[in-house]
Amino acid sequence: MPSEFLLWQNYPNPFNSSSVIKYSIPKSSQVTLRIFNTLGQEIKTLVNEEKTIGIYEINWDAVSSTGGLPSGVYFY
């Protein structure tokens, strides 16, 4: 069981057309995970729900989920 909130480095990095983001939750919590571009504009909300204790991975496919974002720098 996780003992702290953690957000791991995504892979592959640098981002290409998709990326895996891993995080852990030590207690049931509301989790919001958003993607932003370098201008600070929100691109996509990947998670916005109550999560139970655990370790999670989400695969963000920027090509199919957003209409085809170019490779580049994004923040989560």
PDB file of N, CA and C in Angstrom:
ATOM      1  N   MET A   1       0.833  -1.182   0.000  1.00  0.00           N
ATOM      2  CA  MET A   1       0.000   0.000   0.000  1.00  0.00           C
ATOM      3  C   MET A   1       0.882   1.250   0.000  1.00  0.00           C
ATOM      4  N   PRO A   2       0.528   2.239  -0.795  1.00  0.00           N
ATOM      5  CA  PRO A   2       1.302   3.479  -0.817  1.00  0.00           C
ATOM      6  C   PRO A   2       1.206   4.216   0.518  1.00  0.00           C
ATOM      7  N   SER A   3       2.294   4.857   0.905  1.00  0.00           N
ATOM      8  CA  SER A   3       2.312   5.610   2.161  1.00  0.00           C
ATOM      9  C   SER A   3       2.308   7.121   1.938  1.00  0.00           C
ATOM     10  N   GLU A   4       2.364   7.552   0.671  1.00  0.00           N
ATOM     11  CA  GLU A   4       2.351   8.984   0.365  1.00  0.00           C
ATOM     12  C   GLU A   4       1.800   9.216  -1.041  1.00  0.00           C
ATOM     13  N   PHE A   5       1.400  10.454  -1.288  1.00  0.00           N
ATOM     14  CA  PHE A   5       0.987  10.832  -2.630  1.00  0.00           C
ATOM     15  C   PHE A   5       2.242  10.948  -3.481  1.00  0.00           C
ATOM     16  N   LEU A   6       2.257  10.279  -4.624  1.00  0.00           N
ATOM     17  CA  LEU A   6       3.400  10.344  -5.534  1.00  0.00           C
ATOM     18  C   LEU A   6       2.925  10.504  -6.961  1.00  0.00           C
ATOM     19  N   LEU A   7       3.696  11.241  -7.730  1.00  0.00           N
ATOM     20  CA  LEU A   7       3.473  11.392  -9.164  1.00  0.00           C
ATOM     21  C   LEU A   7       4.804  11.079  -9.821  1.00  0.00           C
ATOM     22  N   TRP A   8       4.883   9.944 -10.520  1.00  0.00           N
ATOM     23  CA  TRP A   8       6.124   9.517 -11.137  1.00  0.00           C
ATOM     24  C   TRP A   8       6.375  10.262 -12.450  1.00  0.00           C
ATOM     25  N   GLN A   9       7.608  10.181 -12.923  1.00  0.00           N
ATOM     26  CA  GLN A   9       7.979  10.727 -14.228  1.00  0.00           C
ATOM     27  C   GLN A   9       7.247   9.933 -15.303  1.00  0.00           C
ATOM     28  N   ASN A  10       6.665  10.628 -16.254  1.00  0.00           N
ATOM     29  CA  ASN A  10       5.986   9.932 -17.344  1.00  0.00           C
ATOM     30  C   ASN A  10       7.005   9.245 -18.252  1.00  0.00           C
ATOM     31  N   TYR A  11       6.550   8.283 -19.041  1.00  0.00           N
ATOM     32  CA  TYR A  11       7.410   7.649 -20.033  1.00  0.00           C
ATOM     33  C   TYR A  11       6.576   7.313 -21.258  1.00  0.00           C
ATOM     34  N   PRO A  12       7.085   7.335 -22.451  1.00  0.00           N
ATOM     35  CA  PRO A  12       8.440   7.809 -22.719  1.00  0.00           C
ATOM     36  C   PRO A  12       8.547   9.311 -22.515  1.00  0.00           C
ATOM     37  N   ASN A  13       9.727   9.742 -22.249  1.00  0.00           N
ATOM     38  CA  ASN A  13      10.013  11.162 -22.073  1.00  0.00           C
ATOM     39  C   ASN A  13      11.310  11.436 -22.824  1.00  0.00           C
ATOM     40  N   PRO A  14      11.359  12.268 -23.843  1.00  0.00           N
ATOM     41  CA  PRO A  14      10.302  13.226 -24.165  1.00  0.00           C
ATOM     42  C   PRO A  14       9.070  12.555 -24.783  1.00  0.00           C
ATOM     43  N   PHE A  15       7.958  13.223 -24.556  1.00  0.00           N
ATOM     44  CA  PHE A  15       6.656  12.781 -25.042  1.00  0.00           C
ATOM     45  C   PHE A  15       6.666  12.696 -26.566  1.00  0.00           C
ATOM     46  N   ASN A  16       6.028  11.667 -27.092  1.00  0.00           N
ATOM     47  CA  ASN A  16       5.851  11.563 -28.536  1.00  0.00           C
ATOM     48  C   ASN A  16       4.357  11.624 -28.808  1.00  0.00           C
ATOM     49  N   SER A  17       3.722  10.536 -29.191  1.00  0.00           N
ATOM     50  CA  SER A  17       2.274  10.588 -29.439  1.00  0.00           C
ATOM     51  C   SER A  17       1.459  10.061 -28.270  1.00  0.00           C
ATOM     52  N   SER A  18       2.100   9.317 -27.362  1.00  0.00           N
ATOM     53  CA  SER A  18       1.405   8.846 -26.169  1.00  0.00           C
ATOM     54  C   SER A  18       2.394   8.771 -25.018  1.00  0.00           C
ATOM     55  N   SER A  19       1.856   8.754 -23.813  1.00  0.00           N
ATOM     56  CA  SER A  19       2.697   8.737 -22.630  1.00  0.00           C
ATOM     57  C   SER A  19       1.947   8.059 -21.492  1.00  0.00           C
ATOM     58  N   VAL A  20       2.685   7.356 -20.625  1.00  0.00           N
ATOM     59  CA  VAL A  20       2.105   6.703 -19.461  1.00  0.00           C
ATOM     60  C   VAL A  20       2.445   7.539 -18.236  1.00  0.00           C
ATOM     61  N   ILE A  21       1.422   7.868 -17.447  1.00  0.00           N
ATOM     62  CA  ILE A  21       1.580   8.646 -16.223  1.00  0.00           C
ATOM     63  C   ILE A  21       1.156   7.756 -15.056  1.00  0.00           C
ATOM     64  N   LYS A  22       2.034   7.644 -14.058  1.00  0.00           N
ATOM     65  CA  LYS A  22       1.790   6.782 -12.908  1.00  0.00           C
ATOM     66  C   LYS A  22       1.707   7.639 -11.647  1.00  0.00           C
ATOM     67  N   TYR A  23       0.765   7.302 -10.765  1.00  0.00           N
ATOM     68  CA  TYR A  23       0.627   8.030  -9.506  1.00  0.00           C
ATOM     69  C   TYR A  23       0.108   7.096  -8.425  1.00  0.00           C
ATOM     70  N   SER A  24       0.351   7.478  -7.162  1.00  0.00           N
ATOM     71  CA  SER A  24      -0.148   6.674  -6.047  1.00  0.00           C
ATOM     72  C   SER A  24      -0.946   7.543  -5.088  1.00  0.00           C
ATOM     73  N   ILE A  25      -1.916   6.903  -4.444  1.00  0.00           N
ATOM     74  CA  ILE A  25      -2.836   7.554  -3.513  1.00  0.00           C
ATOM     75  C   ILE A  25      -2.801   6.780  -2.192  1.00  0.00           C
ATOM     76  N   PRO A  26      -2.375   7.395  -1.067  1.00  0.00           N
ATOM     77  CA  PRO A  26      -2.292   6.672   0.201  1.00  0.00           C
ATOM     78  C   PRO A  26      -3.616   6.569   0.959  1.00  0.00           C
ATOM     79  N   LYS A  27      -4.624   7.333   0.534  1.00  0.00           N
ATOM     80  CA  LYS A  27      -5.948   7.260   1.153  1.00  0.00           C
ATOM     81  C   LYS A  27      -6.972   7.690   0.110  1.00  0.00           C
ATOM     82  N   SER A  28      -8.201   7.304   0.290  1.00  0.00           N
ATOM     83  CA  SER A  28      -9.247   7.690  -0.660  1.00  0.00           C
ATOM     84  C   SER A  28      -9.268   9.202  -0.800  1.00  0.00           C
ATOM     85  N   SER A  29      -9.230   9.682  -2.035  1.00  0.00           N
ATOM     86  CA  SER A  29      -9.126  11.118  -2.291  1.00  0.00           C
ATOM     87  C   SER A  29      -9.732  11.474  -3.637  1.00  0.00           C
ATOM     88  N   GLN A  30     -10.116  12.733  -3.754  1.00  0.00           N
ATOM     89  CA  GLN A  30     -10.507  13.271  -5.055  1.00  0.00           C
ATOM     90  C   GLN A  30      -9.225  13.515  -5.841  1.00  0.00           C
ATOM     91  N   VAL A  31      -9.141  12.965  -7.036  1.00  0.00           N
ATOM     92  CA  VAL A  31      -7.943  13.097  -7.862  1.00  0.00           C
ATOM     93  C   VAL A  31      -8.305  13.822  -9.149  1.00  0.00           C
ATOM     94  N   THR A  32      -7.516  14.837  -9.480  1.00  0.00           N
ATOM     95  CA  THR A  32      -7.645  15.527 -10.751  1.00  0.00           C
ATOM     96  C   THR A  32      -6.277  15.540 -11.409  1.00  0.00           C
ATOM     97  N   LEU A  33      -6.213  15.053 -12.643  1.00  0.00           N
ATOM     98  CA  LEU A  33      -4.973  15.015 -13.403  1.00  0.00           C
ATOM     99  C   LEU A  33      -5.253  15.687 -14.740  1.00  0.00           C
ATOM    100  N   ARG A  34      -4.581  16.808 -14.977  1.00  0.00           N
ATOM    101  CA  ARG A  34      -4.815  17.600 -16.189  1.00  0.00           C
ATOM    102  C   ARG A  34      -3.519  17.773 -16.970  1.00  0.00           C
ATOM    103  N   ILE A  35      -3.661  17.948 -18.274  1.00  0.00           N
ATOM    104  CA  ILE A  35      -2.534  18.209 -19.170  1.00  0.00           C
ATOM    105  C   ILE A  35      -2.608  19.664 -19.610  1.00  0.00           C
ATOM    106  N   PHE A  36      -1.457  20.353 -19.563  1.00  0.00           N
ATOM    107  CA  PHE A  36      -1.358  21.757 -19.970  1.00  0.00           C
ATOM    108  C   PHE A  36      -0.264  21.908 -21.018  1.00  0.00           C
ATOM    109  N   ASN A  37      -0.435  22.893 -21.913  1.00  0.00           N
ATOM    110  CA  ASN A  37       0.638  23.203 -22.854  1.00  0.00           C
ATOM    111  C   ASN A  37       1.589  24.213 -22.222  1.00  0.00           C
ATOM    112  N   THR A  38       2.608  24.639 -22.947  1.00  0.00           N
ATOM    113  CA  THR A  38       3.613  25.549 -22.397  1.00  0.00           C
ATOM    114  C   THR A  38       3.079  26.957 -22.157  1.00  0.00           C
ATOM    115  N   LEU A  39       1.905  27.266 -22.684  1.00  0.00           N
ATOM    116  CA  LEU A  39       1.277  28.565 -22.436  1.00  0.00           C
ATOM    117  C   LEU A  39       0.377  28.533 -21.202  1.00  0.00           C
ATOM    118  N   GLY A  40       0.281  27.363 -20.567  1.00  0.00           N
ATOM    119  CA  GLY A  40      -0.556  27.221 -19.379  1.00  0.00           C
ATOM    120  C   GLY A  40      -2.012  26.941 -19.690  1.00  0.00           C
ATOM    121  N   GLN A  41      -2.315  26.654 -20.953  1.00  0.00           N
ATOM    122  CA  GLN A  41      -3.690  26.351 -21.349  1.00  0.00           C
ATOM    123  C   GLN A  41      -3.979  24.873 -21.103  1.00  0.00           C
ATOM    124  N   GLU A  42      -5.132  24.610 -20.491  1.00  0.00           N
ATOM    125  CA  GLU A  42      -5.500  23.216 -20.253  1.00  0.00           C
ATOM    126  C   GLU A  42      -5.840  22.539 -21.571  1.00  0.00           C
ATOM    127  N   ILE A  43      -5.223  21.387 -21.796  1.00  0.00           N
ATOM    128  CA  ILE A  43      -5.432  20.622 -23.023  1.00  0.00           C
ATOM    129  C   ILE A  43      -6.445  19.507 -22.814  1.00  0.00           C
ATOM    130  N   LYS A  44      -6.331  18.833 -21.669  1.00  0.00           N
ATOM    131  CA  LYS A  44      -7.165  17.657 -21.424  1.00  0.00           C
ATOM    132  C   LYS A  44      -7.207  17.351 -19.932  1.00  0.00           C
ATOM    133  N   THR A  45      -8.365  16.941 -19.430  1.00  0.00           N
ATOM    134  CA  THR A  45      -8.480  16.391 -18.073  1.00  0.00           C
ATOM    135  C   THR A  45      -8.505  14.876 -18.212  1.00  0.00           C
ATOM    136  N   LEU A  46      -7.499  14.220 -17.648  1.00  0.00           N
ATOM    137  CA  LEU A  46      -7.405  12.765 -17.751  1.00  0.00           C
ATOM    138  C   LEU A  46      -8.150  12.053 -16.636  1.00  0.00           C
ATOM    139  N   VAL A  47      -8.119  12.624 -15.435  1.00  0.00           N
ATOM    140  CA  VAL A  47      -8.781  12.022 -14.269  1.00  0.00           C
ATOM    141  C   VAL A  47      -9.446  13.143 -13.489  1.00  0.00           C
ATOM    142  N   ASN A  48     -10.678  12.919 -13.058  1.00  0.00           N
ATOM    143  CA  ASN A  48     -11.387  13.857 -12.191  1.00  0.00           C
ATOM    144  C   ASN A  48     -12.457  13.075 -11.432  1.00  0.00           C
ATOM    145  N   GLU A  49     -11.995  12.299 -10.446  1.00  0.00           N
ATOM    146  CA  GLU A  49     -12.910  11.433  -9.711  1.00  0.00           C
ATOM    147  C   GLU A  49     -12.303  11.007  -8.383  1.00  0.00           C
ATOM    148  N   GLU A  50     -13.130  10.439  -7.542  1.00  0.00           N
ATOM    149  CA  GLU A  50     -12.689   9.872  -6.270  1.00  0.00           C
ATOM    150  C   GLU A  50     -11.945   8.571  -6.562  1.00  0.00           C
ATOM    151  N   LYS A  51     -10.765   8.425  -5.966  1.00  0.00           N
ATOM    152  CA  LYS A  51      -9.960   7.209  -6.126  1.00  0.00           C
ATOM    153  C   LYS A  51      -9.694   6.610  -4.754  1.00  0.00           C
ATOM    154  N   THR A  52      -9.632   5.289  -4.697  1.00  0.00           N
ATOM    155  CA  THR A  52      -9.308   4.597  -3.456  1.00  0.00           C
ATOM    156  C   THR A  52      -7.794   4.425  -3.352  1.00  0.00           C
ATOM    157  N   ILE A  53      -7.342   3.961  -2.215  1.00  0.00           N
ATOM    158  CA  ILE A  53      -5.920   3.718  -1.991  1.00  0.00           C
ATOM    159  C   ILE A  53      -5.378   2.830  -3.115  1.00  0.00           C
ATOM    160  N   GLY A  54      -4.200   3.206  -3.647  1.00  0.00           N
ATOM    161  CA  GLY A  54      -3.607   2.353  -4.660  1.00  0.00           C
ATOM    162  C   GLY A  54      -2.614   3.078  -5.541  1.00  0.00           C
ATOM    163  N   ILE A  55      -2.076   2.328  -6.487  1.00  0.00           N
ATOM    164  CA  ILE A  55      -1.153   2.836  -7.488  1.00  0.00           C
ATOM    165  C   ILE A  55      -1.859   2.747  -8.830  1.00  0.00           C
ATOM    166  N   TYR A  56      -1.831   3.831  -9.584  1.00  0.00           N
ATOM    167  CA  TYR A  56      -2.568   3.920 -10.836  1.00  0.00           C
ATOM    168  C   TYR A  56      -1.651   4.318 -11.978  1.00  0.00           C
ATOM    169  N   GLU A  57      -1.994   3.868 -13.169  1.00  0.00           N
ATOM    170  CA  GLU A  57      -1.329   4.298 -14.398  1.00  0.00           C
ATOM    171  C   GLU A  57      -2.391   4.701 -15.393  1.00  0.00           C
ATOM    172  N   ILE A  58      -2.114   5.749 -16.118  1.00  0.00           N
ATOM    173  CA  ILE A  58      -3.013   6.170 -17.182  1.00  0.00           C
ATOM    174  C   ILE A  58      -2.193   6.374 -18.439  1.00  0.00           C
ATOM    175  N   ASN A  59      -2.694   5.867 -19.549  1.00  0.00           N
ATOM    176  CA  ASN A  59      -2.025   6.028 -20.831  1.00  0.00           C
ATOM    177  C   ASN A  59      -2.713   7.161 -21.583  1.00  0.00           C
ATOM    178  N   TRP A  60      -1.990   8.266 -21.775  1.00  0.00           N
ATOM    179  CA  TRP A  60      -2.541   9.407 -22.503  1.00  0.00           C
ATOM    180  C   TRP A  60      -2.113   9.316 -23.955  1.00  0.00           C
ATOM    181  N   ASP A  61      -3.077   9.092 -24.829  1.00  0.00           N
ATOM    182  CA  ASP A  61      -2.833   9.049 -26.269  1.00  0.00           C
ATOM    183  C   ASP A  61      -3.256  10.390 -26.847  1.00  0.00           C
ATOM    184  N   ALA A  62      -2.293  11.254 -27.088  1.00  0.00           N
ATOM    185  CA  ALA A  62      -2.582  12.619 -27.524  1.00  0.00           C
ATOM    186  C   ALA A  62      -3.098  12.679 -28.948  1.00  0.00           C
ATOM    187  N   VAL A  63      -2.890  11.651 -29.724  1.00  0.00           N
ATOM    188  CA  VAL A  63      -3.359  11.654 -31.108  1.00  0.00           C
ATOM    189  C   VAL A  63      -4.861  11.414 -31.164  1.00  0.00           C
ATOM    190  N   SER A  64      -5.335  10.371 -30.501  1.00  0.00           N
ATOM    191  CA  SER A  64      -6.761  10.037 -30.609  1.00  0.00           C
ATOM    192  C   SER A  64      -7.640  10.802 -29.626  1.00  0.00           C
ATOM    193  N   SER A  65      -7.086  11.205 -28.454  1.00  0.00           N
ATOM    194  CA  SER A  65      -7.937  11.820 -27.429  1.00  0.00           C
ATOM    195  C   SER A  65      -8.115  13.323 -27.603  1.00  0.00           C
ATOM    196  N   THR A  66      -7.278  13.971 -28.378  1.00  0.00           N
ATOM    197  CA  THR A  66      -7.367  15.429 -28.504  1.00  0.00           C
ATOM    198  C   THR A  66      -7.409  15.902 -29.945  1.00  0.00           C
ATOM    199  N   GLY A  67      -7.533  14.993 -30.869  1.00  0.00           N
ATOM    200  CA  GLY A  67      -7.568  15.396 -32.261  1.00  0.00           C
ATOM    201  C   GLY A  67      -6.187  15.556 -32.874  1.00  0.00           C
ATOM    202  N   GLY A  68      -5.158  15.074 -32.217  1.00  0.00           N
ATOM    203  CA  GLY A  68      -3.836  15.068 -32.810  1.00  0.00           C
ATOM    204  C   GLY A  68      -2.918  16.186 -32.377  1.00  0.00           C
ATOM    205  N   LEU A  69      -2.481  16.175 -31.143  1.00  0.00           N
ATOM    206  CA  LEU A  69      -1.519  17.172 -30.677  1.00  0.00           C
ATOM    207  C   LEU A  69      -0.136  16.834 -31.202  1.00  0.00           C
ATOM    208  N   PRO A  70       0.668  17.835 -31.513  1.00  0.00           N
ATOM    209  CA  PRO A  70       2.038  17.553 -31.953  1.00  0.00           C
ATOM    210  C   PRO A  70       2.915  17.112 -30.788  1.00  0.00           C
ATOM    211  N   SER A  71       4.015  16.436 -31.093  1.00  0.00           N
ATOM    212  CA  SER A  71       5.004  16.123 -30.072  1.00  0.00           C
ATOM    213  C   SER A  71       5.517  17.425 -29.496  1.00  0.00           C
ATOM    214  N   GLY A  72       5.903  17.415 -28.238  1.00  0.00           N
ATOM    215  CA  GLY A  72       6.411  18.640 -27.632  1.00  0.00           C
ATOM    216  C   GLY A  72       6.395  18.553 -26.123  1.00  0.00           C
ATOM    217  N   VAL A  73       6.432  19.704 -25.492  1.00  0.00           N
ATOM    218  CA  VAL A  73       6.473  19.807 -24.032  1.00  0.00           C
ATOM    219  C   VAL A  73       5.062  20.052 -23.509  1.00  0.00           C
ATOM    220  N   TYR A  74       4.647  19.203 -22.564  1.00  0.00           N
ATOM    221  CA  TYR A  74       3.360  19.349 -21.901  1.00  0.00           C
ATOM    222  C   TYR A  74       3.600  19.137 -20.400  1.00  0.00           C
ATOM    223  N   PHE A  75       2.729  19.706 -19.591  1.00  0.00           N
ATOM    224  CA  PHE A  75       2.835  19.588 -18.137  1.00  0.00           C
ATOM    225  C   PHE A  75       1.602  18.872 -17.619  1.00  0.00           C
ATOM    226  N   TYR A  76       1.790  18.109 -16.540  1.00  0.00           N
ATOM    227  CA  TYR A  76       0.655  17.427 -15.919  1.00  0.00           C
ATOM    228  C   TYR A  76       0.715  17.583 -14.429  1.00  0.00           C
TER     229      TYR A  76
END
